[in-house]
Amino acid sequence: MERVHGGNVYEMARRFNLTQAQIVDFSASVSPLGIPPRVMAAVQEAMLMLDHYPDPDCTRFRQAIAEKHGVDYKSVLAGNGAAEIIYLLARMVGPGRALIPYPSFIEYECAVRSVGGQTTNIGYKSQGSCFLMEMDVLLESIPGNDLVFICNPNNPTATLWQIDDLLKIIQTGQSHHCLIVIDEAYLDLVDEGCHLSLVNKVNDHHNLIVLKSLTKAYALPGLRIGYAIGPPKLIEVLSGLRDPWSVNVLAQMAGTEALKDEEYLVRLQRLVQAERHFLKNELSQIPGLTVYTPTANFILADASTAGITTYQLQQSLAPQGFFIRDCANFRGLGPGFFRI
């Protein structure tokens, strides 16, 4: 499996001889509003602490998360992005078996394989302008697995899971001693996404972990900050597997301030809602392009009907400074798929 992600502006700039100012990066699904001013101010203040080690327990950040979500402080784990926690989860479960719907975030499978684990993969089905999951097939696939990863909304298909379906997955997992991980990295970019979060269900289910990321909504991919909410016993085990000081001083301070900025999130959701409808409608006018209905801040499209590959599109767009995400390395997607 080829390990490629969007947002690698450094490589693309070198390859096409571009400066940072010439780049319009559609390959990374990050807030178009940029870093909130109060977060930037907090980062600048935190620079005075660079001659000290970071707080290994991420105390202030975890307290802010606990307060925001109304959960126990001991239910919160801070991470160097949600990606670090995905690898910690794989290490905690060990060389078992994980159920991963596809196409989805590639690091789930990479994390499982990094500890010698095996994967069971079941595919989302393309139906019209959406990718949907056959719930019966998924539920029947859970027995025999130690871990299930569900991305909500799913990257890159934008499939939005409803709470009732997720609860069925969690309950089935509970019956078969299977840990269910719900990755809500993009949920803050969904209209009223807070109503689809499972954070308030963690106390009711001992086999549920919810992942959150501040990278997408607050435009912080360069700092790497995310967190998990789960049963205190599991959080304690995960914490013991972390590398020391994995979350730096700047990231901790930025994350703490970002969580307080509700007004920014409201503005962002309104902007994303308007722009994704506009962009989907405009893209749908292009002959031979299949455009899938977006739910967050990214759109999946397929140019194969027009006989065009994403590589060809990239070669045409990149010299002009426009970067798109080639989705050919997502399991189940062909060479014509791209995400913007």
C-alpha atoms as a PDB file:
ATOM      1  CA  MET A   1       0.000   0.000   0.000  1.00  0.00           C
ATOM      2  CA  GLU A   2       1.449   3.317  -1.110  1.00  0.00           C
ATOM      3  CA  ARG A   3       1.567   5.774   1.788  1.00  0.00           C
ATOM      4  CA  VAL A   4       0.709   9.129   0.238  1.00  0.00           C
ATOM      5  CA  HIS A   5      -1.210  12.045   1.758  1.00  0.00           C
ATOM      6  CA  GLY A   6      -2.424  15.434   0.629  1.00  0.00           C
ATOM      7  CA  GLY A   7      -0.828  18.667   1.767  1.00  0.00           C
ATOM      8  CA  ASN A   8       2.765  17.879   0.775  1.00  0.00           C
ATOM      9  CA  VAL A   9       3.356  21.360  -0.629  1.00  0.00           C
ATOM     10  CA  TYR A  10       7.107  20.998  -0.153  1.00  0.00           C
ATOM     11  CA  GLU A  11       7.470  18.155  -2.638  1.00  0.00           C
ATOM     12  CA  MET A  12       5.049  19.697  -5.128  1.00  0.00           C
ATOM     13  CA  ALA A  13       6.769  23.090  -4.944  1.00  0.00           C
ATOM     14  CA  ARG A  14      10.136  21.442  -5.658  1.00  0.00           C
ATOM     15  CA  ARG A  15       8.758  19.321  -8.465  1.00  0.00           C
ATOM     16  CA  PHE A  16       7.057  22.197 -10.275  1.00  0.00           C
ATOM     17  CA  ASN A  17       9.463  24.981  -9.297  1.00  0.00           C
ATOM     18  CA  LEU A  18       6.883  27.041  -7.393  1.00  0.00           C
ATOM     19  CA  THR A  19       7.103  29.378  -4.434  1.00  0.00           C
ATOM     20  CA  GLN A  20       4.774  29.110  -1.440  1.00  0.00           C
ATOM     21  CA  ALA A  21       2.960  32.270  -2.586  1.00  0.00           C
ATOM     22  CA  GLN A  22       2.097  30.643  -5.924  1.00  0.00           C
ATOM     23  CA  ILE A  23       0.393  27.607  -4.374  1.00  0.00           C
ATOM     24  CA  VAL A  24      -3.349  27.113  -3.923  1.00  0.00           C
ATOM     25  CA  ASP A  25      -3.535  23.816  -2.063  1.00  0.00           C
ATOM     26  CA  PHE A  26      -6.752  21.888  -2.671  1.00  0.00           C
ATOM     27  CA  SER A  27      -5.084  18.609  -1.651  1.00  0.00           C
ATOM     28  CA  ALA A  28      -5.336  19.104   2.137  1.00  0.00           C
ATOM     29  CA  SER A  29      -8.746  19.314   3.834  1.00  0.00           C
ATOM     30  CA  VAL A  30      -7.898  22.209   6.158  1.00  0.00           C
ATOM     31  CA  SER A  31      -9.969  25.235   7.200  1.00  0.00           C
ATOM     32  CA  PRO A  32      -9.862  27.971   4.531  1.00  0.00           C
ATOM     33  CA  LEU A  33     -10.203  30.615   7.270  1.00  0.00           C
ATOM     34  CA  GLY A  34      -6.661  29.983   8.480  1.00  0.00           C
ATOM     35  CA  ILE A  35      -5.488  29.881  12.083  1.00  0.00           C
ATOM     36  CA  PRO A  36      -7.796  31.810  14.456  1.00  0.00           C
ATOM     37  CA  PRO A  37      -6.119  35.039  15.656  1.00  0.00           C
ATOM     38  CA  ARG A  38      -6.431  34.095  19.337  1.00  0.00           C
ATOM     39  CA  VAL A  39      -4.719  30.774  18.600  1.00  0.00           C
ATOM     40  CA  MET A  40      -1.885  32.507  16.786  1.00  0.00           C
ATOM     41  CA  ALA A  41      -1.496  34.890  19.733  1.00  0.00           C
ATOM     42  CA  ALA A  42      -1.330  31.917  22.104  1.00  0.00           C
ATOM     43  CA  VAL A  43       1.374  30.286  19.970  1.00  0.00           C
ATOM     44  CA  GLN A  44       3.430  33.460  20.020  1.00  0.00           C
ATOM     45  CA  GLU A  45       3.131  33.626  23.817  1.00  0.00           C
ATOM     46  CA  ALA A  46       4.071  29.955  24.124  1.00  0.00           C
ATOM     47  CA  MET A  47       7.322  30.584  22.244  1.00  0.00           C
ATOM     48  CA  LEU A  48       8.652  32.087  25.485  1.00  0.00           C
ATOM     49  CA  MET A  49       8.414  28.556  26.926  1.00  0.00           C
ATOM     50  CA  LEU A  50      10.548  26.850  24.285  1.00  0.00           C
ATOM     51  CA  ASP A  51      13.442  26.579  26.723  1.00  0.00           C
ATOM     52  CA  HIS A  52      11.292  24.257  28.905  1.00  0.00           C
ATOM     53  CA  TYR A  53      10.059  20.739  28.340  1.00  0.00           C
ATOM     54  CA  PRO A  54       6.369  20.429  27.477  1.00  0.00           C
ATOM     55  CA  ASP A  55       3.940  19.324  30.183  1.00  0.00           C
ATOM     56  CA  PRO A  56       4.058  15.517  29.712  1.00  0.00           C
ATOM     57  CA  ASP A  57       0.452  15.195  30.941  1.00  0.00           C
ATOM     58  CA  CYS A  58      -0.888  18.019  28.736  1.00  0.00           C
ATOM     59  CA  THR A  59      -2.846  19.143  31.794  1.00  0.00           C
ATOM     60  CA  ARG A  60      -4.329  22.446  30.591  1.00  0.00           C
ATOM     61  CA  PHE A  61      -5.225  21.050  27.184  1.00  0.00           C
ATOM     62  CA  ARG A  62      -6.921  17.986  28.670  1.00  0.00           C
ATOM     63  CA  GLN A  63      -8.796  20.130  31.177  1.00  0.00           C
ATOM     64  CA  ALA A  64     -10.072  22.310  28.328  1.00  0.00           C
ATOM     65  CA  ILE A  65     -11.244  19.200  26.441  1.00  0.00           C
ATOM     66  CA  ALA A  66     -12.953  17.788  29.539  1.00  0.00           C
ATOM     67  CA  GLU A  67     -14.748  21.084  30.125  1.00  0.00           C
ATOM     68  CA  LYS A  68     -15.803  21.471  26.483  1.00  0.00           C
ATOM     69  CA  HIS A  69     -17.265  17.975  26.211  1.00  0.00           C
ATOM     70  CA  GLY A  70     -18.435  17.520  29.802  1.00  0.00           C
ATOM     71  CA  VAL A  71     -16.326  14.411  30.379  1.00  0.00           C
ATOM     72  CA  ASP A  72     -13.958  13.243  33.101  1.00  0.00           C
ATOM     73  CA  TYR A  73     -10.407  14.571  32.787  1.00  0.00           C
ATOM     74  CA  LYS A  74      -9.176  10.961  33.071  1.00  0.00           C
ATOM     75  CA  SER A  75     -11.187  10.103  29.946  1.00  0.00           C
ATOM     76  CA  VAL A  76      -9.022  12.367  27.774  1.00  0.00           C
ATOM     77  CA  LEU A  77      -5.761  11.563  25.976  1.00  0.00           C
ATOM     78  CA  ALA A  78      -3.830  14.246  24.086  1.00  0.00           C
ATOM     79  CA  GLY A  79      -1.919  13.252  20.978  1.00  0.00           C
ATOM     80  CA  ASN A  80       0.534  14.476  18.373  1.00  0.00           C
ATOM     81  CA  GLY A  81      -2.405  14.685  15.996  1.00  0.00           C
ATOM     82  CA  ALA A  82      -5.086  11.995  15.932  1.00  0.00           C
ATOM     83  CA  ALA A  83      -2.644   9.918  13.856  1.00  0.00           C
ATOM     84  CA  GLU A  84      -0.407   9.279  16.881  1.00  0.00           C
ATOM     85  CA  ILE A  85      -3.380   7.888  18.777  1.00  0.00           C
ATOM     86  CA  ILE A  86      -4.324   5.605  15.877  1.00  0.00           C
ATOM     87  CA  TYR A  87      -0.887   3.997  16.157  1.00  0.00           C
ATOM     88  CA  LEU A  88      -1.192   3.786  19.946  1.00  0.00           C
ATOM     89  CA  LEU A  89      -4.497   1.961  19.544  1.00  0.00           C
ATOM     90  CA  ALA A  90      -2.878  -0.539  17.194  1.00  0.00           C
ATOM     91  CA  ARG A  91      -0.050  -1.060  19.698  1.00  0.00           C
ATOM     92  CA  MET A  92      -2.523  -1.541  22.538  1.00  0.00           C
ATOM     93  CA  VAL A  93      -4.511  -4.180  20.660  1.00  0.00           C
ATOM     94  CA  GLY A  94      -1.349  -5.828  19.336  1.00  0.00           C
ATOM     95  CA  PRO A  95      -1.051  -8.245  16.420  1.00  0.00           C
ATOM     96  CA  GLY A  96      -4.752  -9.012  16.203  1.00  0.00           C
ATOM     97  CA  ARG A  97      -7.290  -8.347  13.491  1.00  0.00           C
ATOM     98  CA  ALA A  98      -8.955  -5.043  12.618  1.00  0.00           C
ATOM     99  CA  LEU A  99     -12.051  -4.365  10.546  1.00  0.00           C
ATOM    100  CA  ILE A 100     -11.583  -1.323   8.292  1.00  0.00           C
ATOM    101  CA  PRO A 101     -14.192  -0.146   5.762  1.00  0.00           C
ATOM    102  CA  TYR A 102     -12.696   1.150   2.524  1.00  0.00           C
ATOM    103  CA  PRO A 103     -11.885   3.514   0.947  1.00  0.00           C
ATOM    104  CA  SER A 104     -10.848   5.363   4.091  1.00  0.00           C
ATOM    105  CA  PHE A 105      -7.909   7.024   5.849  1.00  0.00           C
ATOM    106  CA  ILE A 106      -4.866   4.952   4.937  1.00  0.00           C
ATOM    107  CA  GLU A 107      -3.197   5.224   8.356  1.00  0.00           C
ATOM    108  CA  TYR A 108      -5.712   2.854   9.988  1.00  0.00           C
ATOM    109  CA  GLU A 109      -4.379  -0.041   7.947  1.00  0.00           C
ATOM    110  CA  CYS A 110      -0.768   1.144   8.156  1.00  0.00           C
ATOM    111  CA  ALA A 111      -1.016   1.287  11.955  1.00  0.00           C
ATOM    112  CA  VAL A 112      -2.461  -2.224  12.219  1.00  0.00           C
ATOM    113  CA  ARG A 113       0.162  -3.683   9.913  1.00  0.00           C
ATOM    114  CA  SER A 114       2.964  -1.890  11.795  1.00  0.00           C
ATOM    115  CA  VAL A 115       2.323  -4.184  14.794  1.00  0.00           C
ATOM    116  CA  GLY A 116       1.934  -7.340  12.740  1.00  0.00           C
ATOM    117  CA  GLY A 117      -1.865  -7.233  12.698  1.00  0.00           C
ATOM    118  CA  GLN A 118      -4.197  -8.320   9.916  1.00  0.00           C
ATOM    119  CA  THR A 119      -7.133  -6.433   8.417  1.00  0.00           C
ATOM    120  CA  THR A 120     -10.609  -7.353   7.300  1.00  0.00           C
ATOM    121  CA  ASN A 121     -11.738  -4.882   4.643  1.00  0.00           C
ATOM    122  CA  ILE A 122     -15.304  -4.264   3.508  1.00  0.00           C
ATOM    123  CA  GLY A 123     -16.192  -1.673   0.917  1.00  0.00           C
ATOM    124  CA  TYR A 124     -18.505   1.293   0.818  1.00  0.00           C
ATOM    125  CA  LYS A 125     -20.782   0.937  -2.219  1.00  0.00           C
ATOM    126  CA  SER A 126     -21.092   3.714  -4.774  1.00  0.00           C
ATOM    127  CA  GLN A 127     -24.800   4.498  -5.147  1.00  0.00           C
ATOM    128  CA  GLY A 128     -25.563   7.482  -7.340  1.00  0.00           C
ATOM    129  CA  SER A 129     -23.795  10.501  -5.874  1.00  0.00           C
ATOM    130  CA  CYS A 130     -22.935   8.808  -2.542  1.00  0.00           C
ATOM    131  CA  PHE A 131     -20.909   5.991  -1.046  1.00  0.00           C
ATOM    132  CA  LEU A 132     -22.941   3.945   1.438  1.00  0.00           C
ATOM    133  CA  MET A 133     -22.225   0.999   3.716  1.00  0.00           C
ATOM    134  CA  GLU A 134     -24.358  -2.138   3.879  1.00  0.00           C
ATOM    135  CA  MET A 135     -24.968  -2.294   7.627  1.00  0.00           C
ATOM    136  CA  ASP A 136     -25.831  -5.988   7.713  1.00  0.00           C
ATOM    137  CA  VAL A 137     -22.545  -6.858   6.023  1.00  0.00           C
ATOM    138  CA  LEU A 138     -20.561  -4.687   8.424  1.00  0.00           C
ATOM    139  CA  LEU A 139     -22.255  -6.064  11.556  1.00  0.00           C
ATOM    140  CA  GLU A 140     -21.744  -9.637  10.374  1.00  0.00           C
ATOM    141  CA  SER A 141     -18.039  -8.888   9.832  1.00  0.00           C
ATOM    142  CA  ILE A 142     -17.334  -7.707  13.396  1.00  0.00           C
ATOM    143  CA  PRO A 143     -17.016 -11.140  15.121  1.00  0.00           C
ATOM    144  CA  GLY A 144     -13.402 -12.299  15.016  1.00  0.00           C
ATOM    145  CA  ASN A 145     -12.006  -8.774  14.977  1.00  0.00           C
ATOM    146  CA  ASP A 146     -10.337  -6.997  17.898  1.00  0.00           C
ATOM    147  CA  LEU A 147     -10.686  -3.466  16.548  1.00  0.00           C
ATOM    148  CA  VAL A 148     -12.938  -1.514  14.184  1.00  0.00           C
ATOM    149  CA  PHE A 149     -12.126   1.893  12.686  1.00  0.00           C
ATOM    150  CA  ILE A 150     -15.008   4.075  11.484  1.00  0.00           C
ATOM    151  CA  CYS A 151     -14.303   7.546  10.073  1.00  0.00           C
ATOM    152  CA  ASN A 152     -17.305   9.882  10.438  1.00  0.00           C
ATOM    153  CA  PRO A 153     -17.646  11.604   8.031  1.00  0.00           C
ATOM    154  CA  ASN A 154     -15.516   9.227   6.044  1.00  0.00           C
ATOM    155  CA  ASN A 155     -12.428  10.468   4.251  1.00  0.00           C
ATOM    156  CA  PRO A 156     -12.529  10.577   1.209  1.00  0.00           C
ATOM    157  CA  THR A 157     -16.128   9.484   0.410  1.00  0.00           C
ATOM    158  CA  ALA A 158     -17.845  11.982   2.785  1.00  0.00           C
ATOM    159  CA  THR A 159     -20.157   9.195   4.002  1.00  0.00           C
ATOM    160  CA  LEU A 160     -21.910  10.538   7.099  1.00  0.00           C
ATOM    161  CA  TRP A 161     -22.819   7.969   9.726  1.00  0.00           C
ATOM    162  CA  GLN A 162     -25.926   8.357  11.874  1.00  0.00           C
ATOM    163  CA  ILE A 163     -25.830   7.775  15.626  1.00  0.00           C
ATOM    164  CA  ASP A 164     -28.267   4.831  15.583  1.00  0.00           C
ATOM    165  CA  ASP A 165     -26.108   2.887  13.118  1.00  0.00           C
ATOM    166  CA  LEU A 166     -22.949   3.631  15.077  1.00  0.00           C
ATOM    167  CA  LEU A 167     -24.592   2.443  18.294  1.00  0.00           C
ATOM    168  CA  LYS A 168     -25.479  -0.859  16.593  1.00  0.00           C
ATOM    169  CA  ILE A 169     -21.812  -1.259  15.648  1.00  0.00           C
ATOM    170  CA  ILE A 170     -20.687  -0.466  19.209  1.00  0.00           C
ATOM    171  CA  GLN A 171     -23.200  -2.864  20.763  1.00  0.00           C
ATOM    172  CA  THR A 172     -22.222  -5.652  18.373  1.00  0.00           C
ATOM    173  CA  GLY A 173     -18.573  -4.990  19.160  1.00  0.00           C
ATOM    174  CA  GLN A 174     -19.312  -5.134  22.874  1.00  0.00           C
ATOM    175  CA  SER A 175     -20.869  -8.584  22.453  1.00  0.00           C
ATOM    176  CA  HIS A 176     -17.742  -9.818  20.669  1.00  0.00           C
ATOM    177  CA  HIS A 177     -15.046  -8.113  22.795  1.00  0.00           C
ATOM    178  CA  CYS A 178     -14.170  -5.731  19.985  1.00  0.00           C
ATOM    179  CA  LEU A 179     -12.988  -2.125  20.456  1.00  0.00           C
ATOM    180  CA  ILE A 180     -14.786   0.422  18.267  1.00  0.00           C
ATOM    181  CA  VAL A 181     -12.912   3.588  17.270  1.00  0.00           C
ATOM    182  CA  ILE A 182     -14.952   6.447  15.824  1.00  0.00           C
ATOM    183  CA  ASP A 183     -12.736   9.025  14.122  1.00  0.00           C
ATOM    184  CA  GLU A 184     -14.519  12.396  14.150  1.00  0.00           C
ATOM    185  CA  ALA A 185     -11.637  14.394  12.666  1.00  0.00           C
ATOM    186  CA  TYR A 186     -13.929  16.138  10.159  1.00  0.00           C
ATOM    187  CA  LEU A 187     -17.139  16.291  12.187  1.00  0.00           C
ATOM    188  CA  ASP A 188     -16.608  19.929  13.205  1.00  0.00           C
ATOM    189  CA  LEU A 189     -16.823  20.808   9.505  1.00  0.00           C
ATOM    190  CA  VAL A 190     -20.239  19.175   9.103  1.00  0.00           C
ATOM    191  CA  ASP A 191     -23.390  21.285   9.506  1.00  0.00           C
ATOM    192  CA  GLU A 192     -24.523  20.795  13.133  1.00  0.00           C
ATOM    193  CA  GLY A 193     -21.926  18.040  13.370  1.00  0.00           C
ATOM    194  CA  CYS A 194     -21.888  18.262  17.162  1.00  0.00           C
ATOM    195  CA  HIS A 195     -25.263  16.484  17.180  1.00  0.00           C
ATOM    196  CA  LEU A 196     -23.689  13.461  15.482  1.00  0.00           C
ATOM    197  CA  SER A 197     -20.790  13.119  17.907  1.00  0.00           C
ATOM    198  CA  LEU A 198     -20.523  10.062  20.140  1.00  0.00           C
ATOM    199  CA  VAL A 199     -18.477  11.815  22.832  1.00  0.00           C
ATOM    200  CA  ASN A 200     -21.442  11.717  25.225  1.00  0.00           C
ATOM    201  CA  LYS A 201     -21.794   7.949  24.695  1.00  0.00           C
ATOM    202  CA  VAL A 202     -18.311   7.051  25.944  1.00  0.00           C
ATOM    203  CA  ASN A 203     -19.435   6.600  29.551  1.00  0.00           C
ATOM    204  CA  ASP A 204     -22.093   4.103  28.433  1.00  0.00           C
ATOM    205  CA  HIS A 205     -19.789   1.802  26.463  1.00  0.00           C
ATOM    206  CA  HIS A 206     -16.505   0.326  27.686  1.00  0.00           C
ATOM    207  CA  ASN A 207     -15.447  -0.540  24.114  1.00  0.00           C
ATOM    208  CA  LEU A 208     -15.757   2.938  22.557  1.00  0.00           C
ATOM    209  CA  ILE A 209     -12.986   5.432  21.759  1.00  0.00           C
ATOM    210  CA  VAL A 210     -13.734   8.719  19.968  1.00  0.00           C
ATOM    211  CA  LEU A 211     -10.926  10.496  18.099  1.00  0.00           C
ATOM    212  CA  LYS A 212     -10.873  14.253  17.538  1.00  0.00           C
ATOM    213  CA  SER A 213      -8.484  16.475  15.590  1.00  0.00           C
ATOM    214  CA  LEU A 214      -7.876  20.214  15.709  1.00  0.00           C
ATOM    215  CA  THR A 215      -5.793  20.040  12.537  1.00  0.00           C
ATOM    216  CA  LYS A 216      -8.694  20.310  10.098  1.00  0.00           C
ATOM    217  CA  ALA A 217     -11.078  22.800  11.689  1.00  0.00           C
ATOM    218  CA  TYR A 218      -8.470  25.188  13.096  1.00  0.00           C
ATOM    219  CA  ALA A 219      -5.880  24.974  10.299  1.00  0.00           C
ATOM    220  CA  LEU A 220      -3.133  23.530  12.500  1.00  0.00           C
ATOM    221  CA  PRO A 221      -1.572  20.661  10.503  1.00  0.00           C
ATOM    222  CA  GLY A 222       1.927  22.027  11.127  1.00  0.00           C
ATOM    223  CA  LEU A 223       1.551  21.759  14.906  1.00  0.00           C
ATOM    224  CA  ARG A 224      -0.039  18.286  15.096  1.00  0.00           C
ATOM    225  CA  ILE A 225      -2.655  18.291  17.858  1.00  0.00           C
ATOM    226  CA  GLY A 226      -5.538  15.900  18.474  1.00  0.00           C
ATOM    227  CA  TYR A 227      -7.119  13.884  21.242  1.00  0.00           C
ATOM    228  CA  ALA A 228      -9.101  10.807  22.192  1.00  0.00           C
ATOM    229  CA  ILE A 229     -11.992  10.413  24.609  1.00  0.00           C
ATOM    230  CA  GLY A 230     -12.672   6.992  26.056  1.00  0.00           C
ATOM    231  CA  PRO A 231     -13.064   4.890  29.201  1.00  0.00           C
ATOM    232  CA  PRO A 232     -10.445   5.968  31.803  1.00  0.00           C
ATOM    233  CA  LYS A 233      -8.927   2.472  31.983  1.00  0.00           C
ATOM    234  CA  LEU A 234      -8.268   2.382  28.231  1.00  0.00           C
ATOM    235  CA  ILE A 235      -6.993   5.953  28.233  1.00  0.00           C
ATOM    236  CA  GLU A 236      -4.539   5.061  30.986  1.00  0.00           C
ATOM    237  CA  VAL A 237      -3.211   2.121  28.969  1.00  0.00           C
ATOM    238  CA  LEU A 238      -2.858   4.255  25.829  1.00  0.00           C
ATOM    239  CA  SER A 239      -1.082   6.970  27.799  1.00  0.00           C
ATOM    240  CA  GLY A 240       1.470   4.428  28.991  1.00  0.00           C
ATOM    241  CA  LEU A 241       2.305   3.551  25.380  1.00  0.00           C
ATOM    242  CA  ARG A 242       3.054   7.128  24.307  1.00  0.00           C
ATOM    243  CA  ASP A 243       6.511   8.435  23.599  1.00  0.00           C
ATOM    244  CA  PRO A 244       7.498  11.016  26.238  1.00  0.00           C
ATOM    245  CA  TRP A 245       6.697  14.690  25.480  1.00  0.00           C
ATOM    246  CA  SER A 246       4.991  13.805  22.185  1.00  0.00           C
ATOM    247  CA  VAL A 247       2.819  16.947  22.253  1.00  0.00           C
ATOM    248  CA  ASN A 248       4.969  20.063  22.147  1.00  0.00           C
ATOM    249  CA  VAL A 249       4.508  23.342  24.032  1.00  0.00           C
ATOM    250  CA  LEU A 250       3.147  25.259  21.045  1.00  0.00           C
ATOM    251  CA  ALA A 251       0.617  22.567  20.142  1.00  0.00           C
ATOM    252  CA  GLN A 252      -0.679  22.305  23.711  1.00  0.00           C
ATOM    253  CA  MET A 253      -1.217  26.055  23.969  1.00  0.00           C
ATOM    254  CA  ALA A 254      -2.757  26.315  20.489  1.00  0.00           C
ATOM    255  CA  GLY A 255      -5.141  23.453  21.185  1.00  0.00           C
ATOM    256  CA  THR A 256      -6.249  24.910  24.497  1.00  0.00           C
ATOM    257  CA  GLU A 257      -7.128  28.261  22.910  1.00  0.00           C
ATOM    258  CA  ALA A 258      -8.746  26.716  19.819  1.00  0.00           C
ATOM    259  CA  LEU A 259     -11.239  24.814  21.938  1.00  0.00           C
ATOM    260  CA  LYS A 260     -12.480  28.110  23.396  1.00  0.00           C
ATOM    261  CA  ASP A 261     -13.148  29.764  20.022  1.00  0.00           C
ATOM    262  CA  GLU A 262     -16.761  28.776  19.305  1.00  0.00           C
ATOM    263  CA  GLU A 263     -17.393  31.846  17.127  1.00  0.00           C
ATOM    264  CA  TYR A 264     -14.657  30.769  14.693  1.00  0.00           C
ATOM    265  CA  LEU A 265     -16.272  27.347  14.341  1.00  0.00           C
ATOM    266  CA  VAL A 266     -19.682  28.874  13.534  1.00  0.00           C
ATOM    267  CA  ARG A 267     -18.152  31.084  10.820  1.00  0.00           C
ATOM    268  CA  LEU A 268     -16.228  28.145   9.411  1.00  0.00           C
ATOM    269  CA  GLN A 269     -19.282  25.882   9.174  1.00  0.00           C
ATOM    270  CA  ARG A 270     -21.269  28.582   7.380  1.00  0.00           C
ATOM    271  CA  LEU A 271     -18.461  29.203   4.899  1.00  0.00           C
ATOM    272  CA  VAL A 272     -17.851  25.514   4.212  1.00  0.00           C
ATOM    273  CA  GLN A 273     -21.571  24.864   3.726  1.00  0.00           C
ATOM    274  CA  ALA A 274     -21.885  27.616   1.122  1.00  0.00           C
ATOM    275  CA  GLU A 275     -18.633  26.840  -0.699  1.00  0.00           C
ATOM    276  CA  ARG A 276     -19.082  23.089  -0.936  1.00  0.00           C
ATOM    277  CA  HIS A 277     -22.537  23.525  -2.508  1.00  0.00           C
ATOM    278  CA  PHE A 278     -21.136  26.064  -4.955  1.00  0.00           C
ATOM    279  CA  LEU A 279     -18.126  23.944  -5.872  1.00  0.00           C
ATOM    280  CA  LYS A 280     -20.130  20.725  -6.243  1.00  0.00           C
ATOM    281  CA  ASN A 281     -22.630  22.459  -8.531  1.00  0.00           C
ATOM    282  CA  GLU A 282     -19.870  23.971 -10.678  1.00  0.00           C
ATOM    283  CA  LEU A 283     -17.887  20.742 -10.924  1.00  0.00           C
ATOM    284  CA  SER A 284     -21.048  18.829 -11.860  1.00  0.00           C
ATOM    285  CA  GLN A 285     -21.303  20.938 -15.029  1.00  0.00           C
ATOM    286  CA  ILE A 286     -18.102  19.393 -16.394  1.00  0.00           C
ATOM    287  CA  PRO A 287     -18.896  16.586 -18.865  1.00  0.00           C
ATOM    288  CA  GLY A 288     -17.515  13.196 -17.862  1.00  0.00           C
ATOM    289  CA  LEU A 289     -16.876  14.148 -14.241  1.00  0.00           C
ATOM    290  CA  THR A 290     -18.707  12.241 -11.496  1.00  0.00           C
ATOM    291  CA  VAL A 291     -18.970  14.373  -8.354  1.00  0.00           C
ATOM    292  CA  TYR A 292     -19.964  12.801  -5.041  1.00  0.00           C
ATOM    293  CA  THR A 293     -22.108  14.689  -2.530  1.00  0.00           C
ATOM    294  CA  PRO A 294     -19.909  16.359   0.106  1.00  0.00           C
ATOM    295  CA  THR A 295     -20.780  16.610   3.810  1.00  0.00           C
ATOM    296  CA  ALA A 296     -17.654  18.289   5.202  1.00  0.00           C
ATOM    297  CA  ASN A 297     -14.947  20.445   3.596  1.00  0.00           C
ATOM    298  CA  PHE A 298     -13.812  18.077   0.843  1.00  0.00           C
ATOM    299  CA  ILE A 299     -15.306  16.711  -2.372  1.00  0.00           C
ATOM    300  CA  LEU A 300     -14.530  13.374  -4.053  1.00  0.00           C
ATOM    301  CA  ALA A 301     -14.744  13.237  -7.831  1.00  0.00           C
ATOM    302  CA  ASP A 302     -14.000  10.721 -10.591  1.00  0.00           C
ATOM    303  CA  ALA A 303     -12.783  11.700 -14.043  1.00  0.00           C
ATOM    304  CA  SER A 304     -12.517   8.171 -15.440  1.00  0.00           C
ATOM    305  CA  THR A 305     -15.685   8.474 -17.556  1.00  0.00           C
ATOM    306  CA  ALA A 306     -13.947  11.269 -19.440  1.00  0.00           C
ATOM    307  CA  GLY A 307     -10.921   9.014 -19.911  1.00  0.00           C
ATOM    308  CA  ILE A 308      -8.722  11.214 -17.726  1.00  0.00           C
ATOM    309  CA  THR A 309      -6.519  10.085 -14.849  1.00  0.00           C
ATOM    310  CA  THR A 310      -5.798  12.136 -11.765  1.00  0.00           C
ATOM    311  CA  TYR A 311      -2.109  12.028 -12.676  1.00  0.00           C
ATOM    312  CA  GLN A 312      -2.931  13.795 -15.932  1.00  0.00           C
ATOM    313  CA  LEU A 313      -5.030  16.363 -14.064  1.00  0.00           C
ATOM    314  CA  GLN A 314      -2.216  16.975 -11.618  1.00  0.00           C
ATOM    315  CA  GLN A 315       0.281  17.476 -14.428  1.00  0.00           C
ATOM    316  CA  SER A 316      -2.004  20.128 -15.924  1.00  0.00           C
ATOM    317  CA  LEU A 317      -3.001  21.924 -12.721  1.00  0.00           C
ATOM    318  CA  ALA A 318       0.154  21.811 -10.609  1.00  0.00           C
ATOM    319  CA  PRO A 319       2.343  24.024 -12.842  1.00  0.00           C
ATOM    320  CA  GLN A 320      -0.357  26.685 -12.389  1.00  0.00           C
ATOM    321  CA  GLY A 321      -0.135  26.296  -8.616  1.00  0.00           C
ATOM    322  CA  PHE A 322      -3.307  24.238  -8.052  1.00  0.00           C
ATOM    323  CA  PHE A 323      -2.800  21.026  -6.072  1.00  0.00           C
ATOM    324  CA  ILE A 324      -5.387  18.238  -5.838  1.00  0.00           C
ATOM    325  CA  ARG A 325      -5.312  14.977  -3.893  1.00  0.00           C
ATOM    326  CA  ASP A 326      -4.745  11.905  -6.061  1.00  0.00           C
ATOM    327  CA  CYS A 327      -6.920   9.188  -4.500  1.00  0.00           C
ATOM    328  CA  ALA A 328      -5.523   6.256  -6.475  1.00  0.00           C
ATOM    329  CA  ASN A 329      -3.747   4.931  -3.354  1.00  0.00           C
ATOM    330  CA  PHE A 330      -7.032   4.596  -1.448  1.00  0.00           C
ATOM    331  CA  ARG A 331      -8.088   0.956  -1.404  1.00  0.00           C
ATOM    332  CA  GLY A 332     -11.000   0.510  -3.809  1.00  0.00           C
ATOM    333  CA  LEU A 333     -10.584   3.722  -5.827  1.00  0.00           C
ATOM    334  CA  GLY A 334      -9.265   3.867  -9.368  1.00  0.00           C
ATOM    335  CA  PRO A 335      -6.814   6.206 -11.123  1.00  0.00           C
ATOM    336  CA  GLY A 336      -9.517   8.737 -12.027  1.00  0.00           C
ATOM    337  CA  PHE A 337     -10.483   9.608  -8.439  1.00  0.00           C
ATOM    338  CA  PHE A 338      -9.355  12.824  -6.789  1.00  0.00           C
ATOM    339  CA  ARG A 339     -10.303  14.865  -3.712  1.00  0.00           C
ATOM    340  CA  ILE A 340     -10.382  18.626  -3.336  1.00  0.00           C
END
